[in-house]
N, C-alpha and C. Protein backbone atom coordinates (compact mmCIF):
# COMPACT_ATOMS: atom_id res chain seq x y z
N MET A 1 2.28 41.50 54.79
CA MET A 1 3.44 40.88 54.19
C MET A 1 3.40 39.37 54.41
N LYS A 2 3.06 38.98 55.66
CA LYS A 2 2.99 37.57 55.98
C LYS A 2 1.89 36.89 55.16
N CYS A 3 0.80 37.61 54.91
CA CYS A 3 -0.31 37.08 54.13
C CYS A 3 0.12 36.84 52.68
N LYS A 4 0.90 37.77 52.10
CA LYS A 4 1.39 37.60 50.74
C LYS A 4 2.30 36.40 50.63
N SER A 5 3.14 36.18 51.61
CA SER A 5 4.04 35.03 51.61
C SER A 5 3.27 33.72 51.66
N LEU A 6 2.21 33.69 52.47
CA LEU A 6 1.39 32.47 52.55
C LEU A 6 0.68 32.20 51.22
N TYR A 7 0.16 33.25 50.60
CA TYR A 7 -0.47 33.07 49.29
C TYR A 7 0.55 32.58 48.25
N TRP A 8 1.71 33.13 48.30
CA TRP A 8 2.77 32.74 47.38
C TRP A 8 3.17 31.28 47.59
N ILE A 9 3.32 30.85 48.82
CA ILE A 9 3.67 29.45 49.14
C ILE A 9 2.53 28.53 48.72
N ALA A 10 1.28 28.92 48.95
CA ALA A 10 0.13 28.10 48.56
C ALA A 10 0.07 27.96 47.03
N PHE A 11 0.34 29.04 46.33
CA PHE A 11 0.36 29.00 44.87
C PHE A 11 1.44 28.04 44.36
N MET A 12 2.63 28.11 44.94
CA MET A 12 3.73 27.24 44.53
C MET A 12 3.42 25.77 44.84
N MET A 13 2.77 25.51 45.97
CA MET A 13 2.40 24.13 46.32
C MET A 13 1.41 23.57 45.29
N CYS A 14 0.44 24.37 44.89
CA CYS A 14 -0.52 23.93 43.86
C CYS A 14 0.20 23.67 42.54
N PHE A 15 1.12 24.54 42.20
CA PHE A 15 1.87 24.39 40.96
C PHE A 15 2.67 23.09 40.97
N PHE A 16 3.34 22.78 42.09
CA PHE A 16 4.12 21.55 42.19
C PHE A 16 3.21 20.32 42.20
N ALA A 17 2.04 20.42 42.82
CA ALA A 17 1.11 19.30 42.85
C ALA A 17 0.61 18.97 41.44
N ILE A 18 0.32 19.99 40.67
CA ILE A 18 -0.13 19.77 39.30
C ILE A 18 1.02 19.24 38.44
N GLY A 19 2.22 19.74 38.68
CA GLY A 19 3.38 19.32 37.90
C GLY A 19 3.77 17.87 38.13
N CYS A 20 3.35 17.27 39.22
CA CYS A 20 3.71 15.88 39.52
C CYS A 20 2.73 14.89 38.91
N ASP A 21 1.70 15.36 38.27
CA ASP A 21 0.69 14.48 37.69
C ASP A 21 1.27 13.76 36.47
N ASN A 22 1.21 12.43 36.47
CA ASN A 22 1.67 11.65 35.33
C ASN A 22 0.53 11.50 34.33
N THR A 23 0.76 11.92 33.12
CA THR A 23 -0.23 11.78 32.07
C THR A 23 -0.09 10.41 31.44
N GLU A 24 -1.20 9.71 31.29
CA GLU A 24 -1.19 8.39 30.67
C GLU A 24 -1.33 8.58 29.16
N ASP A 25 -0.27 8.23 28.42
CA ASP A 25 -0.28 8.36 26.97
C ASP A 25 -0.73 7.10 26.26
N GLY A 26 -1.15 6.11 26.99
CA GLY A 26 -1.56 4.86 26.39
C GLY A 26 -0.40 3.89 26.33
N SER A 27 -0.69 2.71 25.90
CA SER A 27 0.35 1.69 25.82
C SER A 27 1.00 1.71 24.44
N TYR A 28 2.12 1.05 24.33
CA TYR A 28 2.86 0.99 23.07
C TYR A 28 2.06 0.19 22.05
N VAL A 29 2.00 0.69 20.84
CA VAL A 29 1.40 -0.05 19.74
C VAL A 29 2.41 -0.13 18.61
N ASP A 30 2.35 -1.19 17.87
CA ASP A 30 3.24 -1.35 16.73
C ASP A 30 2.93 -0.30 15.67
N PRO A 31 3.94 0.13 14.92
CA PRO A 31 3.69 1.11 13.85
C PRO A 31 2.82 0.50 12.74
N ILE A 32 2.13 1.35 12.03
CA ILE A 32 1.27 0.90 10.93
C ILE A 32 2.15 0.48 9.76
N THR A 33 1.96 -0.74 9.29
CA THR A 33 2.76 -1.25 8.18
C THR A 33 1.98 -1.10 6.87
N LEU A 34 2.68 -1.29 5.77
CA LEU A 34 2.02 -1.27 4.47
C LEU A 34 1.06 -2.44 4.31
N TYR A 35 1.33 -3.54 5.03
CA TYR A 35 0.41 -4.68 4.95
C TYR A 35 -0.98 -4.29 5.42
N GLU A 36 -1.06 -3.45 6.45
CA GLU A 36 -2.35 -3.00 6.95
C GLU A 36 -3.05 -2.11 5.93
N LYS A 37 -2.29 -1.35 5.16
CA LYS A 37 -2.87 -0.45 4.17
C LYS A 37 -3.30 -1.18 2.91
N VAL A 38 -2.54 -2.19 2.50
CA VAL A 38 -2.83 -2.92 1.26
C VAL A 38 -3.92 -3.97 1.49
N ASN A 39 -4.03 -4.47 2.70
CA ASN A 39 -5.01 -5.49 3.05
C ASN A 39 -6.43 -5.07 2.65
N GLY A 40 -7.18 -6.00 2.08
CA GLY A 40 -8.59 -5.74 1.79
C GLY A 40 -8.96 -5.95 0.34
N ASN A 41 -10.17 -5.52 0.02
CA ASN A 41 -10.74 -5.65 -1.32
C ASN A 41 -10.54 -4.36 -2.10
N TRP A 42 -10.12 -4.51 -3.36
CA TRP A 42 -9.84 -3.36 -4.22
C TRP A 42 -10.54 -3.55 -5.56
N ALA A 43 -11.14 -2.47 -6.06
CA ALA A 43 -11.81 -2.49 -7.36
C ALA A 43 -11.02 -1.62 -8.33
N LEU A 44 -11.01 -2.03 -9.58
CA LEU A 44 -10.28 -1.30 -10.60
C LEU A 44 -11.01 -0.02 -10.98
N THR A 45 -10.29 1.09 -10.96
CA THR A 45 -10.81 2.37 -11.41
C THR A 45 -10.32 2.66 -12.83
N ASN A 46 -9.07 2.29 -13.09
CA ASN A 46 -8.47 2.57 -14.38
C ASN A 46 -7.34 1.56 -14.63
N LEU A 47 -7.24 1.07 -15.85
CA LEU A 47 -6.13 0.21 -16.27
C LEU A 47 -5.52 0.83 -17.52
N LYS A 48 -4.25 1.14 -17.43
CA LYS A 48 -3.55 1.78 -18.54
C LYS A 48 -2.39 0.90 -18.98
N MET A 49 -2.30 0.65 -20.29
CA MET A 49 -1.17 -0.07 -20.86
C MET A 49 -0.20 0.96 -21.43
N VAL A 50 1.07 0.84 -21.06
CA VAL A 50 2.10 1.78 -21.51
C VAL A 50 3.12 1.03 -22.35
N ASP A 51 3.32 1.48 -23.59
CA ASP A 51 4.36 0.93 -24.46
C ASP A 51 5.67 1.60 -24.05
N GLU A 52 6.48 0.88 -23.28
CA GLU A 52 7.71 1.46 -22.71
C GLU A 52 8.75 1.79 -23.79
N VAL A 53 8.79 1.00 -24.87
CA VAL A 53 9.74 1.27 -25.96
C VAL A 53 9.35 2.56 -26.67
N ALA A 54 8.07 2.71 -26.99
CA ALA A 54 7.60 3.94 -27.64
C ALA A 54 7.81 5.14 -26.72
N LYS A 55 7.56 4.97 -25.45
CA LYS A 55 7.74 6.06 -24.49
C LYS A 55 9.21 6.48 -24.41
N ALA A 56 10.12 5.51 -24.39
CA ALA A 56 11.55 5.81 -24.32
C ALA A 56 12.03 6.52 -25.59
N ASN A 57 11.41 6.19 -26.73
CA ASN A 57 11.79 6.81 -28.00
C ASN A 57 10.92 8.02 -28.36
N LYS A 58 10.10 8.45 -27.42
CA LYS A 58 9.22 9.62 -27.59
C LYS A 58 8.29 9.48 -28.79
N ILE A 59 7.74 8.28 -28.96
CA ILE A 59 6.78 8.02 -30.04
C ILE A 59 5.38 8.08 -29.43
N GLU A 60 4.50 8.82 -30.08
CA GLU A 60 3.11 8.95 -29.61
C GLU A 60 2.20 8.17 -30.53
N PRO A 61 1.14 7.60 -30.10
CA PRO A 61 0.74 7.42 -28.71
C PRO A 61 1.53 6.28 -28.08
N ASN A 62 1.75 6.39 -26.80
CA ASN A 62 2.48 5.33 -26.09
C ASN A 62 1.67 4.76 -24.93
N GLU A 63 0.41 5.20 -24.80
CA GLU A 63 -0.46 4.70 -23.74
C GLU A 63 -1.83 4.35 -24.32
N GLU A 64 -2.46 3.36 -23.71
CA GLU A 64 -3.81 2.97 -24.11
C GLU A 64 -4.60 2.64 -22.85
N ASN A 65 -5.79 3.22 -22.73
CA ASN A 65 -6.66 2.94 -21.60
C ASN A 65 -7.40 1.63 -21.87
N LEU A 66 -7.17 0.62 -21.05
CA LEU A 66 -7.81 -0.68 -21.23
C LEU A 66 -9.00 -0.89 -20.29
N SER A 67 -9.36 0.12 -19.54
CA SER A 67 -10.39 -0.02 -18.49
C SER A 67 -11.71 -0.55 -19.02
N THR A 68 -12.11 -0.13 -20.20
CA THR A 68 -13.42 -0.52 -20.72
C THR A 68 -13.36 -1.72 -21.66
N TYR A 69 -12.18 -2.26 -21.89
CA TYR A 69 -12.03 -3.43 -22.75
C TYR A 69 -11.95 -4.70 -21.92
N PHE A 70 -12.34 -5.82 -22.51
CA PHE A 70 -12.13 -7.15 -21.93
C PHE A 70 -12.74 -7.31 -20.54
N ASN A 71 -13.83 -6.61 -20.23
CA ASN A 71 -14.51 -6.71 -18.94
C ASN A 71 -13.67 -6.24 -17.76
N TYR A 72 -12.68 -5.41 -17.97
CA TYR A 72 -11.84 -4.98 -16.86
C TYR A 72 -12.59 -4.11 -15.85
N GLU A 73 -13.77 -3.62 -16.21
CA GLU A 73 -14.55 -2.88 -15.22
C GLU A 73 -15.00 -3.81 -14.09
N ASP A 74 -14.96 -5.14 -14.32
CA ASP A 74 -15.32 -6.12 -13.29
C ASP A 74 -14.12 -6.58 -12.46
N PHE A 75 -12.93 -6.10 -12.77
CA PHE A 75 -11.71 -6.54 -12.09
C PHE A 75 -11.72 -6.13 -10.62
N LYS A 76 -11.50 -7.11 -9.75
CA LYS A 76 -11.36 -6.86 -8.32
C LYS A 76 -10.22 -7.74 -7.81
N ILE A 77 -9.49 -7.24 -6.82
CA ILE A 77 -8.42 -8.02 -6.22
C ILE A 77 -8.53 -7.90 -4.71
N LYS A 78 -8.28 -9.01 -4.04
CA LYS A 78 -8.34 -9.04 -2.58
C LYS A 78 -7.00 -9.51 -2.05
N PHE A 79 -6.38 -8.69 -1.21
CA PHE A 79 -5.14 -9.05 -0.52
C PHE A 79 -5.50 -9.41 0.92
N ASN A 80 -5.13 -10.60 1.35
CA ASN A 80 -5.45 -11.07 2.70
C ASN A 80 -4.22 -11.05 3.59
N VAL A 81 -4.45 -10.77 4.87
CA VAL A 81 -3.40 -10.86 5.89
C VAL A 81 -3.95 -11.67 7.06
N ASP A 82 -3.04 -12.20 7.89
CA ASP A 82 -3.47 -12.94 9.07
C ASP A 82 -3.69 -11.99 10.24
N GLU A 83 -3.94 -12.55 11.43
CA GLU A 83 -4.23 -11.72 12.60
C GLU A 83 -3.03 -10.89 13.06
N LYS A 84 -1.83 -11.23 12.60
CA LYS A 84 -0.62 -10.46 12.94
C LYS A 84 -0.23 -9.51 11.81
N ASN A 85 -1.15 -9.28 10.88
CA ASN A 85 -0.92 -8.42 9.71
C ASN A 85 0.24 -8.89 8.84
N GLN A 86 0.39 -10.19 8.72
CA GLN A 86 1.37 -10.77 7.81
C GLN A 86 0.62 -11.27 6.58
N PRO A 87 1.18 -11.10 5.38
CA PRO A 87 0.45 -11.43 4.16
C PRO A 87 0.20 -12.92 4.02
N THR A 88 -0.96 -13.25 3.49
CA THR A 88 -1.28 -14.66 3.23
C THR A 88 -1.56 -14.85 1.74
N SER A 89 -2.79 -14.69 1.32
CA SER A 89 -3.15 -14.98 -0.07
C SER A 89 -3.74 -13.75 -0.75
N TYR A 90 -3.86 -13.86 -2.07
CA TYR A 90 -4.55 -12.83 -2.85
C TYR A 90 -5.41 -13.55 -3.88
N GLU A 91 -6.42 -12.86 -4.38
CA GLU A 91 -7.27 -13.45 -5.41
C GLU A 91 -7.86 -12.35 -6.28
N VAL A 92 -7.80 -12.58 -7.59
CA VAL A 92 -8.41 -11.68 -8.58
C VAL A 92 -9.75 -12.27 -8.96
N THR A 93 -10.79 -11.43 -8.95
CA THR A 93 -12.12 -11.89 -9.37
C THR A 93 -12.60 -11.03 -10.53
N GLY A 94 -13.60 -11.52 -11.20
CA GLY A 94 -14.13 -10.84 -12.39
C GLY A 94 -13.75 -11.65 -13.62
N ASN A 95 -14.58 -11.55 -14.64
CA ASN A 95 -14.35 -12.29 -15.88
C ASN A 95 -13.40 -11.48 -16.76
N VAL A 96 -12.10 -11.53 -16.41
CA VAL A 96 -11.09 -10.73 -17.11
C VAL A 96 -9.93 -11.61 -17.56
N PRO A 97 -9.29 -11.25 -18.68
CA PRO A 97 -8.09 -11.99 -19.08
C PRO A 97 -6.98 -11.75 -18.04
N PRO A 98 -6.32 -12.80 -17.60
CA PRO A 98 -5.31 -12.62 -16.55
C PRO A 98 -4.02 -12.00 -17.09
N LEU A 99 -3.57 -10.94 -16.44
CA LEU A 99 -2.26 -10.35 -16.74
C LEU A 99 -1.21 -10.92 -15.80
N PHE A 100 -1.65 -11.46 -14.68
CA PHE A 100 -0.79 -12.19 -13.74
C PHE A 100 -1.65 -13.28 -13.11
N ALA A 101 -1.03 -14.19 -12.38
CA ALA A 101 -1.76 -15.32 -11.80
C ALA A 101 -2.97 -14.83 -11.01
N PRO A 102 -4.16 -15.40 -11.27
CA PRO A 102 -5.37 -14.90 -10.62
C PRO A 102 -5.48 -15.21 -9.13
N LYS A 103 -4.69 -16.13 -8.63
CA LYS A 103 -4.70 -16.39 -7.19
C LYS A 103 -3.36 -16.93 -6.78
N GLY A 104 -3.04 -16.73 -5.52
CA GLY A 104 -1.76 -17.19 -4.99
C GLY A 104 -1.47 -16.53 -3.67
N TYR A 105 -0.20 -16.30 -3.41
CA TYR A 105 0.25 -15.73 -2.14
C TYR A 105 1.10 -14.50 -2.45
N TRP A 106 1.23 -13.62 -1.48
CA TRP A 106 1.92 -12.36 -1.73
C TRP A 106 2.76 -11.95 -0.53
N ALA A 107 3.70 -11.04 -0.80
CA ALA A 107 4.54 -10.43 0.23
C ALA A 107 5.07 -9.12 -0.33
N LEU A 108 5.40 -8.20 0.56
CA LEU A 108 5.99 -6.92 0.15
C LEU A 108 7.50 -6.98 0.30
N SER A 109 8.20 -6.16 -0.47
CA SER A 109 9.66 -6.10 -0.36
C SER A 109 10.08 -5.44 0.94
N SER A 110 9.20 -4.64 1.55
CA SER A 110 9.48 -3.99 2.83
C SER A 110 8.16 -3.76 3.56
N ASP A 111 8.19 -3.87 4.88
CA ASP A 111 6.98 -3.63 5.67
C ASP A 111 6.55 -2.17 5.67
N PHE A 112 7.50 -1.28 5.39
CA PHE A 112 7.25 0.15 5.48
C PHE A 112 7.61 0.84 4.16
N GLN A 113 7.09 2.05 3.98
CA GLN A 113 7.39 2.83 2.79
C GLN A 113 8.88 3.18 2.78
N PRO A 114 9.59 2.95 1.66
CA PRO A 114 11.02 3.28 1.60
C PRO A 114 11.25 4.79 1.75
N THR A 115 12.32 5.14 2.42
CA THR A 115 12.62 6.56 2.63
C THR A 115 13.46 7.14 1.51
N ASN A 116 13.94 6.29 0.59
CA ASN A 116 14.79 6.79 -0.50
C ASN A 116 14.00 7.16 -1.74
N GLY A 117 12.68 7.14 -1.67
CA GLY A 117 11.85 7.52 -2.81
C GLY A 117 11.55 6.39 -3.77
N GLY A 118 12.14 5.22 -3.56
CA GLY A 118 11.87 4.07 -4.42
C GLY A 118 10.51 3.47 -4.13
N ALA A 119 10.07 2.62 -5.02
CA ALA A 119 8.77 1.97 -4.86
C ALA A 119 8.94 0.62 -4.18
N ASN A 120 7.97 0.27 -3.37
CA ASN A 120 7.92 -1.06 -2.79
C ASN A 120 7.45 -2.04 -3.85
N LYS A 121 7.79 -3.29 -3.70
CA LYS A 121 7.35 -4.31 -4.64
C LYS A 121 6.44 -5.30 -3.94
N ILE A 122 5.43 -5.74 -4.68
CA ILE A 122 4.55 -6.80 -4.22
C ILE A 122 4.97 -8.04 -4.97
N TYR A 123 5.48 -9.02 -4.25
CA TYR A 123 5.90 -10.28 -4.86
C TYR A 123 4.72 -11.24 -4.82
N LEU A 124 4.43 -11.87 -5.95
CA LEU A 124 3.36 -12.85 -6.06
C LEU A 124 3.97 -14.24 -6.15
N TYR A 125 3.41 -15.16 -5.38
CA TYR A 125 3.93 -16.53 -5.31
C TYR A 125 2.81 -17.52 -5.60
N SER A 126 3.21 -18.71 -6.07
CA SER A 126 2.23 -19.75 -6.34
C SER A 126 2.04 -20.69 -5.16
N ASP A 127 2.96 -20.65 -4.19
CA ASP A 127 2.89 -21.57 -3.05
C ASP A 127 2.90 -20.80 -1.72
N ALA A 128 2.32 -21.42 -0.70
CA ALA A 128 2.21 -20.78 0.62
C ALA A 128 3.56 -20.55 1.28
N GLN A 129 4.57 -21.35 0.93
CA GLN A 129 5.91 -21.17 1.51
C GLN A 129 6.65 -20.00 0.86
N LYS A 130 6.09 -19.47 -0.21
CA LYS A 130 6.64 -18.32 -0.94
C LYS A 130 8.04 -18.61 -1.48
N THR A 131 8.15 -19.75 -2.15
CA THR A 131 9.42 -20.12 -2.76
C THR A 131 9.38 -19.97 -4.28
N THR A 132 8.20 -20.05 -4.89
CA THR A 132 8.06 -19.96 -6.34
C THR A 132 7.39 -18.64 -6.71
N LYS A 133 8.20 -17.65 -7.10
CA LYS A 133 7.66 -16.34 -7.46
C LYS A 133 7.10 -16.39 -8.87
N THR A 134 5.86 -15.90 -9.02
CA THR A 134 5.22 -15.89 -10.34
C THR A 134 5.29 -14.52 -11.00
N ASP A 135 5.20 -13.46 -10.20
CA ASP A 135 5.24 -12.11 -10.75
C ASP A 135 5.67 -11.11 -9.70
N GLU A 136 5.88 -9.90 -10.17
CA GLU A 136 6.32 -8.82 -9.29
C GLU A 136 5.57 -7.56 -9.71
N LEU A 137 4.90 -6.93 -8.76
CA LEU A 137 4.18 -5.69 -9.00
C LEU A 137 4.87 -4.56 -8.25
N ARG A 138 4.90 -3.38 -8.84
CA ARG A 138 5.44 -2.21 -8.13
C ARG A 138 4.28 -1.46 -7.49
N LEU A 139 4.44 -1.13 -6.23
CA LEU A 139 3.44 -0.35 -5.51
C LEU A 139 3.77 1.12 -5.73
N ILE A 140 3.12 1.73 -6.73
CA ILE A 140 3.44 3.10 -7.13
C ILE A 140 2.85 4.11 -6.16
N SER A 141 1.60 3.92 -5.81
CA SER A 141 0.89 4.85 -4.93
C SER A 141 0.35 4.06 -3.75
N VAL A 142 0.72 4.50 -2.56
CA VAL A 142 0.36 3.79 -1.33
C VAL A 142 -1.01 4.27 -0.85
N PRO A 143 -1.88 3.34 -0.46
CA PRO A 143 -3.18 3.76 0.05
C PRO A 143 -3.04 4.56 1.35
N GLY A 144 -3.85 5.56 1.47
CA GLY A 144 -3.85 6.40 2.66
C GLY A 144 -5.27 6.82 2.97
N LYS A 145 -5.44 8.09 3.27
CA LYS A 145 -6.75 8.62 3.62
C LYS A 145 -7.73 8.52 2.45
N ASN A 146 -7.24 8.65 1.23
CA ASN A 146 -8.13 8.62 0.07
C ASN A 146 -8.48 7.20 -0.38
N GLU A 147 -7.89 6.19 0.24
CA GLU A 147 -8.17 4.77 -0.04
C GLU A 147 -8.01 4.43 -1.52
N GLU A 148 -6.96 4.95 -2.13
CA GLU A 148 -6.61 4.62 -3.51
C GLU A 148 -5.21 4.06 -3.55
N MET A 149 -4.98 3.17 -4.51
CA MET A 149 -3.67 2.54 -4.64
C MET A 149 -3.38 2.35 -6.12
N GLN A 150 -2.11 2.46 -6.50
CA GLN A 150 -1.71 2.18 -7.87
C GLN A 150 -0.61 1.13 -7.84
N ILE A 151 -0.79 0.11 -8.68
CA ILE A 151 0.24 -0.91 -8.83
C ILE A 151 0.60 -1.02 -10.30
N GLN A 152 1.83 -1.44 -10.57
CA GLN A 152 2.32 -1.53 -11.95
C GLN A 152 2.92 -2.90 -12.18
N LEU A 153 2.52 -3.51 -13.27
CA LEU A 153 3.07 -4.78 -13.73
C LEU A 153 3.88 -4.48 -14.98
N THR A 154 5.16 -4.84 -14.98
CA THR A 154 6.03 -4.55 -16.13
C THR A 154 6.50 -5.86 -16.74
N ARG A 155 6.44 -5.93 -18.06
CA ARG A 155 6.94 -7.08 -18.80
C ARG A 155 8.27 -6.70 -19.45
N THR A 156 9.25 -7.59 -19.35
CA THR A 156 10.58 -7.33 -19.91
C THR A 156 10.99 -8.44 -20.86
N SER A 157 11.90 -8.10 -21.74
CA SER A 157 12.51 -9.07 -22.65
C SER A 157 13.97 -8.71 -22.79
N GLY A 158 14.83 -9.63 -22.45
CA GLY A 158 16.27 -9.37 -22.52
C GLY A 158 16.70 -8.25 -21.59
N GLY A 159 16.01 -8.11 -20.46
CA GLY A 159 16.36 -7.08 -19.50
C GLY A 159 15.82 -5.69 -19.83
N VAL A 160 15.04 -5.58 -20.91
CA VAL A 160 14.49 -4.29 -21.34
C VAL A 160 12.98 -4.31 -21.14
N ASP A 161 12.45 -3.29 -20.46
CA ASP A 161 11.01 -3.16 -20.30
C ASP A 161 10.38 -2.84 -21.64
N PHE A 162 9.33 -3.59 -22.02
CA PHE A 162 8.67 -3.26 -23.28
C PHE A 162 7.20 -2.88 -23.11
N VAL A 163 6.55 -3.33 -22.05
CA VAL A 163 5.16 -2.93 -21.80
C VAL A 163 4.92 -2.97 -20.29
N SER A 164 4.10 -2.03 -19.83
CA SER A 164 3.71 -2.06 -18.43
C SER A 164 2.22 -1.77 -18.34
N TYR A 165 1.62 -2.29 -17.29
CA TYR A 165 0.20 -2.10 -17.01
C TYR A 165 0.09 -1.40 -15.67
N VAL A 166 -0.61 -0.27 -15.65
CA VAL A 166 -0.78 0.49 -14.42
C VAL A 166 -2.24 0.34 -13.98
N PHE A 167 -2.42 -0.26 -12.81
CA PHE A 167 -3.73 -0.49 -12.23
C PHE A 167 -4.00 0.59 -11.19
N LYS A 168 -5.07 1.35 -11.38
CA LYS A 168 -5.50 2.31 -10.35
C LYS A 168 -6.69 1.67 -9.64
N LEU A 169 -6.55 1.49 -8.33
CA LEU A 169 -7.54 0.76 -7.55
C LEU A 169 -8.11 1.63 -6.44
N THR A 170 -9.37 1.35 -6.08
CA THR A 170 -9.98 2.00 -4.92
C THR A 170 -10.49 0.93 -3.98
N ALA A 171 -10.48 1.24 -2.69
CA ALA A 171 -10.90 0.29 -1.67
C ALA A 171 -12.41 0.06 -1.76
N ILE A 172 -12.80 -1.20 -1.54
CA ILE A 172 -14.22 -1.56 -1.47
C ILE A 172 -14.53 -1.80 0.00
N ASN A 173 -15.52 -1.10 0.53
CA ASN A 173 -15.86 -1.28 1.95
C ASN A 173 -16.80 -2.43 2.14
C-alpha cells in the first residue's frame, strides 16, 4: 500500500513538473497587411473591357478581351513599398497604351481586407506627398497563395459608370 502511494505521489510530481513548463510561442509580429501582398512585380494575364451601360441594359456582347491587342501581353506593373511596408511608388512597363498614369505613387484605402465584403481601393497619385490623385483602382481579388490579383479601373461620366477595365495579374518572381 505504501509503495502504491509513493508511485502515485511520484507520478503527480512529474505531472506538475511538466505542467509548469512555459512554452515559447515566439515574439509578437505585426499582422500581414495588404501592402505586403500587393508589393512586387505583376504581369498581365488577361485584360477585359466591360461596357457597363450595355451590361446594365442586358445588351450582348458587353465584354471584350483586350489581352492580345495593343501589346498588352507586355504589360507589367510594379508596386513598391518601403522597409516598413508602407506604399511608395508604382510603375507600368511595356509598350502599351496607358489606361492610367504609367508611373506615380500609390496607397490603399485600408491596410487590411474589409470585413463587410466591399473592395479595397488602390489610389494612384502623381506626387510623393499623395495630394494629387490621378486615378482609383478597385482591388477585386486579393493575392494569396495562388499569387494572382485582379484590379478594376472604371471610367464614369456624370456619375454613371460607362466602361471598366479588369486586369488579371500574376506575380513575377
